[in-house]
Amino acid sequence: MQKLTNKEEEVMKMLWRLERAFVKDILAQFGEDKPHYNTLSTMIRNLEDKGYVGHTTYGNTHQYYPVVAKEEYRKRFIHNAITDYFNNSYKGLVSFFAEEDKISVEELKEIVKQLEEKR
C-alpha cells in the first residue's frame, strides 16, 4: 500500500468520518483553505488508484467510500514510523515520548499493567 501525502491523509480522515460521500460532501468538511473542487476530485481519484478508496456510480457522479479501514491504516502508519524513526524499536518510541514529557509515569504503569494482563 502506497504512502499518503498529508493532504490525502486529511481527505481520508474526512471520508472515514463520513463513511460515504460525494466530492461536494468532502469539500464541505474543509475550513478556510478549501481546495478547488477539481483538485479535490483528482486527489480522491488518486486515493482510489492507491487502493484506499472505492466508489459507486450514480449517473455522472460518484459516491466515494474508504476501502482501507482507519484502524488498518493506523497500524501501518505506526509500524512505518517505528521502523523509519526508531530502528524498529517500540521501546525507543516509548522512551522518546518519556524524554519529551509526552507520557507520564502513571500512563507507563497503566501500559505495563495492560501488558501483564494480556499474558
N, C-alpha and C. Protein backbone atom coordinates (compact mmCIF):
# COMPACT_ATOMS: atom_id res chain seq x y z
N MET A 1 0.84 -1.17 0.00
CA MET A 1 0.00 0.00 0.00
C MET A 1 0.89 1.24 0.00
N GLN A 2 0.59 2.17 -0.88
CA GLN A 2 1.41 3.37 -1.03
C GLN A 2 1.18 4.34 0.12
N LYS A 3 2.21 5.10 0.43
CA LYS A 3 2.15 6.12 1.47
C LYS A 3 1.27 7.28 1.00
N LEU A 4 0.56 7.90 1.93
CA LEU A 4 -0.30 9.03 1.61
C LEU A 4 0.42 10.34 1.87
N THR A 5 0.08 11.35 1.06
CA THR A 5 0.56 12.70 1.35
C THR A 5 -0.26 13.23 2.52
N ASN A 6 0.19 14.34 3.10
CA ASN A 6 -0.56 14.95 4.21
C ASN A 6 -1.98 15.31 3.80
N LYS A 7 -2.15 15.88 2.62
CA LYS A 7 -3.49 16.26 2.14
C LYS A 7 -4.35 15.03 1.90
N GLU A 8 -3.76 13.98 1.31
CA GLU A 8 -4.52 12.74 1.09
C GLU A 8 -4.96 12.14 2.42
N GLU A 9 -4.09 12.20 3.40
CA GLU A 9 -4.44 11.67 4.71
C GLU A 9 -5.58 12.50 5.33
N GLU A 10 -5.53 13.79 5.14
CA GLU A 10 -6.60 14.67 5.63
C GLU A 10 -7.94 14.31 4.98
N VAL A 11 -7.92 14.05 3.69
CA VAL A 11 -9.14 13.65 2.97
C VAL A 11 -9.63 12.30 3.47
N MET A 12 -8.71 11.37 3.70
CA MET A 12 -9.11 10.06 4.22
C MET A 12 -9.76 10.17 5.59
N LYS A 13 -9.24 11.03 6.45
CA LYS A 13 -9.84 11.23 7.77
C LYS A 13 -11.29 11.71 7.63
N MET A 14 -11.51 12.60 6.67
CA MET A 14 -12.86 13.09 6.42
C MET A 14 -13.76 11.97 5.91
N LEU A 15 -13.23 11.17 5.00
CA LEU A 15 -14.01 10.09 4.42
C LEU A 15 -14.30 8.99 5.44
N TRP A 16 -13.34 8.71 6.32
CA TRP A 16 -13.60 7.74 7.39
C TRP A 16 -14.72 8.24 8.29
N ARG A 17 -14.73 9.54 8.54
CA ARG A 17 -15.76 10.13 9.39
C ARG A 17 -17.13 10.09 8.70
N LEU A 18 -17.14 10.41 7.41
CA LEU A 18 -18.40 10.47 6.65
C LEU A 18 -18.90 9.09 6.22
N GLU A 19 -17.98 8.15 6.04
CA GLU A 19 -18.23 6.78 5.59
C GLU A 19 -18.54 6.67 4.09
N ARG A 20 -19.44 7.46 3.58
CA ARG A 20 -19.73 7.52 2.13
C ARG A 20 -19.98 8.99 1.81
N ALA A 21 -19.40 9.46 0.70
CA ALA A 21 -19.56 10.89 0.40
C ALA A 21 -19.27 11.19 -1.07
N PHE A 22 -19.95 12.22 -1.54
CA PHE A 22 -19.66 12.79 -2.85
C PHE A 22 -18.56 13.83 -2.64
N VAL A 23 -17.90 14.24 -3.72
CA VAL A 23 -16.82 15.23 -3.62
C VAL A 23 -17.32 16.48 -2.90
N LYS A 24 -18.53 16.92 -3.21
CA LYS A 24 -19.06 18.15 -2.58
C LYS A 24 -19.22 17.98 -1.08
N ASP A 25 -19.53 16.76 -0.63
CA ASP A 25 -19.65 16.50 0.81
C ASP A 25 -18.30 16.60 1.51
N ILE A 26 -17.28 16.09 0.85
CA ILE A 26 -15.92 16.16 1.41
C ILE A 26 -15.44 17.60 1.40
N LEU A 27 -15.71 18.30 0.31
CA LEU A 27 -15.31 19.70 0.19
C LEU A 27 -15.92 20.54 1.32
N ALA A 28 -17.14 20.22 1.71
CA ALA A 28 -17.82 20.95 2.78
C ALA A 28 -17.14 20.75 4.14
N GLN A 29 -16.31 19.72 4.28
CA GLN A 29 -15.62 19.43 5.54
C GLN A 29 -14.40 20.32 5.76
N PHE A 30 -13.91 20.94 4.69
CA PHE A 30 -12.72 21.79 4.79
C PHE A 30 -13.07 23.13 5.43
N GLY A 31 -12.09 23.71 6.10
CA GLY A 31 -12.24 25.05 6.68
C GLY A 31 -11.99 26.10 5.62
N GLU A 32 -11.23 27.11 6.01
CA GLU A 32 -10.96 28.25 5.12
C GLU A 32 -10.09 27.88 3.91
N ASP A 33 -9.20 26.94 4.08
CA ASP A 33 -8.28 26.60 2.99
C ASP A 33 -8.81 25.46 2.13
N LYS A 34 -10.03 25.65 1.62
CA LYS A 34 -10.65 24.63 0.76
C LYS A 34 -9.90 24.52 -0.56
N PRO A 35 -9.64 23.30 -0.98
CA PRO A 35 -9.08 23.14 -2.32
C PRO A 35 -10.17 23.38 -3.36
N HIS A 36 -9.77 23.59 -4.58
CA HIS A 36 -10.73 23.72 -5.67
C HIS A 36 -11.41 22.36 -5.86
N TYR A 37 -12.65 22.37 -6.28
CA TYR A 37 -13.42 21.14 -6.49
C TYR A 37 -12.65 20.14 -7.35
N ASN A 38 -12.11 20.61 -8.48
CA ASN A 38 -11.38 19.71 -9.39
C ASN A 38 -10.11 19.15 -8.74
N THR A 39 -9.44 19.96 -7.92
CA THR A 39 -8.24 19.49 -7.22
C THR A 39 -8.60 18.37 -6.25
N LEU A 40 -9.68 18.57 -5.50
CA LEU A 40 -10.14 17.55 -4.56
C LEU A 40 -10.57 16.29 -5.29
N SER A 41 -11.27 16.45 -6.39
CA SER A 41 -11.71 15.31 -7.18
C SER A 41 -10.52 14.49 -7.67
N THR A 42 -9.47 15.16 -8.11
CA THR A 42 -8.24 14.49 -8.56
C THR A 42 -7.58 13.76 -7.40
N MET A 43 -7.54 14.42 -6.24
CA MET A 43 -6.95 13.81 -5.06
C MET A 43 -7.69 12.52 -4.69
N ILE A 44 -9.00 12.55 -4.76
CA ILE A 44 -9.80 11.37 -4.42
C ILE A 44 -9.57 10.26 -5.43
N ARG A 45 -9.48 10.61 -6.71
CA ARG A 45 -9.18 9.60 -7.72
C ARG A 45 -7.80 8.99 -7.49
N ASN A 46 -6.84 9.82 -7.05
CA ASN A 46 -5.50 9.30 -6.72
C ASN A 46 -5.58 8.33 -5.54
N LEU A 47 -6.41 8.66 -4.55
CA LEU A 47 -6.61 7.75 -3.42
C LEU A 47 -7.22 6.43 -3.90
N GLU A 48 -8.09 6.52 -4.88
CA GLU A 48 -8.68 5.31 -5.45
C GLU A 48 -7.62 4.49 -6.18
N ASP A 49 -6.76 5.16 -6.95
CA ASP A 49 -5.67 4.48 -7.65
C ASP A 49 -4.70 3.80 -6.68
N LYS A 50 -4.52 4.41 -5.52
CA LYS A 50 -3.62 3.85 -4.50
C LYS A 50 -4.28 2.73 -3.71
N GLY A 51 -5.58 2.50 -3.91
CA GLY A 51 -6.27 1.41 -3.25
C GLY A 51 -6.91 1.76 -1.92
N TYR A 52 -7.05 3.03 -1.61
CA TYR A 52 -7.64 3.46 -0.34
C TYR A 52 -9.14 3.72 -0.44
N VAL A 53 -9.61 4.03 -1.64
CA VAL A 53 -10.99 4.48 -1.83
C VAL A 53 -11.64 3.71 -2.96
N GLY A 54 -12.93 3.46 -2.81
CA GLY A 54 -13.74 2.88 -3.88
C GLY A 54 -14.88 3.84 -4.17
N HIS A 55 -15.67 3.53 -5.20
CA HIS A 55 -16.80 4.41 -5.49
C HIS A 55 -17.98 3.63 -6.05
N THR A 56 -19.13 4.24 -5.90
CA THR A 56 -20.36 3.77 -6.52
C THR A 56 -20.79 4.86 -7.48
N THR A 57 -21.16 4.47 -8.70
CA THR A 57 -21.54 5.45 -9.71
C THR A 57 -23.05 5.66 -9.70
N TYR A 58 -23.43 6.92 -9.71
CA TYR A 58 -24.84 7.33 -9.83
C TYR A 58 -24.92 8.31 -10.99
N GLY A 59 -25.27 7.82 -12.16
CA GLY A 59 -25.31 8.68 -13.35
C GLY A 59 -23.93 9.19 -13.67
N ASN A 60 -23.76 10.51 -13.62
CA ASN A 60 -22.46 11.12 -13.94
C ASN A 60 -21.62 11.42 -12.70
N THR A 61 -22.07 11.01 -11.55
CA THR A 61 -21.34 11.34 -10.33
C THR A 61 -20.95 10.07 -9.57
N HIS A 62 -20.00 10.22 -8.68
CA HIS A 62 -19.50 9.09 -7.90
C HIS A 62 -19.64 9.38 -6.41
N GLN A 63 -20.06 8.37 -5.69
CA GLN A 63 -20.05 8.44 -4.23
C GLN A 63 -18.88 7.58 -3.76
N TYR A 64 -18.00 8.18 -2.97
CA TYR A 64 -16.77 7.52 -2.56
C TYR A 64 -16.90 6.95 -1.15
N TYR A 65 -16.14 5.89 -0.90
CA TYR A 65 -16.12 5.26 0.41
C TYR A 65 -14.73 4.68 0.66
N PRO A 66 -14.31 4.62 1.92
CA PRO A 66 -12.99 4.06 2.21
C PRO A 66 -12.96 2.55 1.99
N VAL A 67 -11.90 2.08 1.40
CA VAL A 67 -11.69 0.64 1.21
C VAL A 67 -10.76 0.13 2.32
N VAL A 68 -9.89 1.01 2.79
CA VAL A 68 -8.96 0.69 3.87
C VAL A 68 -9.54 1.26 5.16
N ALA A 69 -9.67 0.42 6.17
CA ALA A 69 -10.20 0.87 7.46
C ALA A 69 -9.18 1.77 8.16
N LYS A 70 -9.70 2.71 8.93
CA LYS A 70 -8.84 3.64 9.66
C LYS A 70 -7.87 2.88 10.57
N GLU A 71 -8.35 1.84 11.23
CA GLU A 71 -7.51 1.04 12.13
C GLU A 71 -6.36 0.37 11.37
N GLU A 72 -6.65 -0.16 10.19
CA GLU A 72 -5.61 -0.79 9.37
C GLU A 72 -4.55 0.23 8.97
N TYR A 73 -5.01 1.41 8.55
CA TYR A 73 -4.07 2.47 8.17
C TYR A 73 -3.23 2.90 9.37
N ARG A 74 -3.87 3.04 10.53
CA ARG A 74 -3.17 3.46 11.75
C ARG A 74 -2.06 2.46 12.09
N LYS A 75 -2.37 1.17 12.03
CA LYS A 75 -1.36 0.15 12.33
C LYS A 75 -0.18 0.25 11.38
N ARG A 76 -0.48 0.41 10.10
CA ARG A 76 0.59 0.51 9.10
C ARG A 76 1.42 1.78 9.30
N PHE A 77 0.74 2.89 9.60
CA PHE A 77 1.40 4.17 9.81
C PHE A 77 2.35 4.08 11.01
N ILE A 78 1.86 3.53 12.13
CA ILE A 78 2.68 3.41 13.33
C ILE A 78 3.86 2.47 13.08
N HIS A 79 3.59 1.35 12.43
CA HIS A 79 4.67 0.40 12.12
C HIS A 79 5.76 1.08 11.28
N ASN A 80 5.36 1.82 10.25
CA ASN A 80 6.33 2.51 9.40
C ASN A 80 7.11 3.56 10.17
N ALA A 81 6.43 4.31 11.04
CA ALA A 81 7.11 5.33 11.84
C ALA A 81 8.14 4.69 12.77
N ILE A 82 7.78 3.59 13.39
CA ILE A 82 8.71 2.90 14.30
C ILE A 82 9.89 2.35 13.52
N THR A 83 9.64 1.80 12.36
CA THR A 83 10.71 1.27 11.51
C THR A 83 11.63 2.39 11.04
N ASP A 84 11.03 3.49 10.54
CA ASP A 84 11.82 4.57 9.94
C ASP A 84 12.54 5.46 10.95
N TYR A 85 11.94 5.69 12.12
CA TYR A 85 12.47 6.68 13.05
C TYR A 85 13.00 6.12 14.38
N PHE A 86 12.68 4.87 14.68
CA PHE A 86 13.08 4.31 15.97
C PHE A 86 13.78 2.96 15.83
N ASN A 87 14.41 2.72 14.68
CA ASN A 87 15.16 1.49 14.42
C ASN A 87 14.36 0.24 14.78
N ASN A 88 13.08 0.28 14.45
CA ASN A 88 12.18 -0.85 14.67
C ASN A 88 12.05 -1.21 16.16
N SER A 89 12.20 -0.21 17.02
CA SER A 89 12.16 -0.42 18.47
C SER A 89 10.96 0.28 19.09
N TYR A 90 10.02 -0.52 19.60
CA TYR A 90 8.89 0.06 20.30
C TYR A 90 9.35 0.70 21.61
N LYS A 91 10.38 0.12 22.20
CA LYS A 91 10.96 0.70 23.40
C LYS A 91 11.51 2.09 23.09
N GLY A 92 12.15 2.23 21.94
CA GLY A 92 12.66 3.53 21.51
C GLY A 92 11.55 4.56 21.37
N LEU A 93 10.41 4.12 20.86
CA LEU A 93 9.25 5.02 20.71
C LEU A 93 8.77 5.49 22.07
N VAL A 94 8.59 4.56 23.00
CA VAL A 94 8.11 4.92 24.34
C VAL A 94 9.13 5.80 25.04
N SER A 95 10.42 5.49 24.90
CA SER A 95 11.47 6.31 25.51
C SER A 95 11.44 7.72 24.97
N PHE A 96 11.21 7.86 23.68
CA PHE A 96 11.12 9.17 23.06
C PHE A 96 10.02 10.00 23.72
N PHE A 97 8.84 9.40 23.88
CA PHE A 97 7.72 10.12 24.49
C PHE A 97 8.00 10.45 25.96
N ALA A 98 8.69 9.56 26.65
CA ALA A 98 9.04 9.81 28.05
C ALA A 98 10.02 10.97 28.15
N GLU A 99 11.02 10.98 27.27
CA GLU A 99 12.02 12.06 27.28
C GLU A 99 11.40 13.40 26.90
N GLU A 100 10.41 13.39 26.08
CA GLU A 100 9.75 14.62 25.64
C GLU A 100 8.63 15.04 26.59
N ASP A 101 8.49 14.31 27.71
CA ASP A 101 7.43 14.57 28.70
C ASP A 101 6.04 14.50 28.07
N LYS A 102 5.86 13.56 27.15
CA LYS A 102 4.56 13.36 26.49
C LYS A 102 3.80 12.20 27.10
N ILE A 103 4.47 11.47 28.01
CA ILE A 103 3.81 10.34 28.68
C ILE A 103 4.26 10.36 30.14
N SER A 104 3.31 10.15 31.03
CA SER A 104 3.60 10.21 32.46
C SER A 104 3.97 8.83 33.00
N VAL A 105 4.52 8.82 34.20
CA VAL A 105 4.86 7.57 34.87
C VAL A 105 3.59 6.76 35.09
N GLU A 106 2.50 7.43 35.44
CA GLU A 106 1.23 6.74 35.66
C GLU A 106 0.75 6.05 34.38
N GLU A 107 0.90 6.75 33.25
CA GLU A 107 0.50 6.15 31.97
C GLU A 107 1.38 4.95 31.62
N LEU A 108 2.67 5.07 31.91
CA LEU A 108 3.57 3.94 31.67
C LEU A 108 3.19 2.74 32.53
N LYS A 109 2.83 3.00 33.79
CA LYS A 109 2.41 1.92 34.68
C LYS A 109 1.13 1.26 34.14
N GLU A 110 0.22 2.07 33.61
CA GLU A 110 -1.01 1.51 33.01
C GLU A 110 -0.68 0.61 31.83
N ILE A 111 0.27 1.03 31.02
CA ILE A 111 0.68 0.22 29.86
C ILE A 111 1.28 -1.10 30.32
N VAL A 112 2.15 -1.05 31.33
CA VAL A 112 2.75 -2.28 31.87
C VAL A 112 1.65 -3.18 32.41
N LYS A 113 0.71 -2.62 33.12
CA LYS A 113 -0.40 -3.41 33.67
C LYS A 113 -1.19 -4.09 32.56
N GLN A 114 -1.48 -3.35 31.48
CA GLN A 114 -2.20 -3.92 30.34
C GLN A 114 -1.42 -5.08 29.73
N LEU A 115 -0.12 -4.91 29.60
CA LEU A 115 0.73 -5.96 29.03
C LEU A 115 0.72 -7.20 29.92
N GLU A 116 0.81 -6.98 31.21
CA GLU A 116 0.81 -8.11 32.15
C GLU A 116 -0.53 -8.85 32.14
N GLU A 117 -1.63 -8.10 31.99
CA GLU A 117 -2.95 -8.72 31.95
C GLU A 117 -3.16 -9.54 30.69
N LYS A 118 -2.49 -9.17 29.61
CA LYS A 118 -2.62 -9.92 28.34
C LYS A 118 -1.90 -11.26 28.41
N ARG A 119 -0.92 -11.37 29.27
CA ARG A 119 -0.11 -12.61 29.36
C ARG A 119 -0.77 -13.62 30.19
